[in-house]
Amino acid sequence: MVGIRYDWQELEIRAIYNTPLLELIYQAASVHRQYHDPTKIQVCKLISIKTGGCPEDCSYCAQSSRYKTEVKAQALLEKETVVNIAQKAKETGVSRICMGAAWREVRDNSQFEEVLEMVKDVTAMGLEVCCTLGMLTANQARKLEEAGLYAYNHNLDTSQEYYSTIITTRTYSDRLNTIENVRQTNVTVCSGGILGLGETVDDRVGMLQTLSNLHPHPESVPINILSQVPGTPLENQPDVPIWDIVRMIATARILMPASDVRLSAGRARLSQVEQAFCFMAGANSIFSSDDNKMLTVTTPCPDYDTDREMLNLLGLGMRSPSQRQEKVTSPPVVCEERNED
């Protein structure tokens, strides 16, 4: 029995990941209930404020200028458009707005100033605001903090060892440096990964080890499922089995008990029963939509009405902005390493 830890070892994480599935779900659910209200799910809306034309070569991404996909480059959205989308989302119960720009890195120019204004206006609506804009300097992180930003998303995607197979235009250290720059402010960190890139269990364990040894843990850990985009190098990847998804969510929940574990991209292909297992395993956030897409047309997303119906069926409510359960003093039960004969 342990509390929140930052020194997880590979063998420990592997033992948790390989725990018999129903036992793993039970233990993750037990941890979840000690740190979170199990009846609440945070519903988020992701807005692509600058779509396409990204110079990076992320092998999964429909927005890379290196690949021929159905996503076309578009200019930065007008602030009024973003605010209107956010207002509509708020009216449906959404409490977190995530704004994504297909940039390699933030540049100190007029577009960044426009994004800062978007952050100010959407924050003023009483919503949590998260941005994912690429690499970020410490000074840029401070400007986002001053604008009222609640969270910054910068995913690790996979393990350090497998990373260069998926992306060559930035390094793993670049990812970690941006997270460190955000940590110099009061902005919370959102960082997770993607399942289905061709990674092994070793890679999944390695990514979780990196995340769970960050001090503090990311307050938000998205678990994404690859959407195979025609025209990208990973277009023919097989689907990820549902039980692999549940194992990742459960393991993340045990390793990072106080973090929000977000069932993110790829959820549209999961049935209500499959999503219920994810919630049982410790996922407590989803992305919903007004237009059946999560970021671009290549990533389907359930709409607000469909998600409300599902949450009602499961007896789950929508969490308000920054509505966090206080950490308990009693430590969670975690899986012990098992010696197999």
Foldseek 3Di string as FASTA:
>chain_A
DDFADQQDDLLFLVLLLPPPQVVLLVQLLQLQVQWFDLQAFAEEAEEAQWAADECWAQQQDPRHPVWDFPTDGDHGHQLVVLLVQLVVCVVLQHAEYEYEYRYQEDDPDVVLVRVLVSLLNSVVVVHAYEYEYHQYALVSLVSSVVSPHAEYEQELAWAQVCVCVRTVPDHSVSSVNSVVSNVVHNHAYAYEHEPQPPDDVSTLSRRLSVQLNDVVHGLHYEYAYGLQTPGGPRNPTDGDDLSSVLSSLLSSCQSNVNHAYEDEFPCVVDDLVSVVSNSSSNHRYYYEDPPQARYDPSTGHHHSVVVVVSSVVVSHYYDHHPPTDDRDPDRRDGDDRDDDD
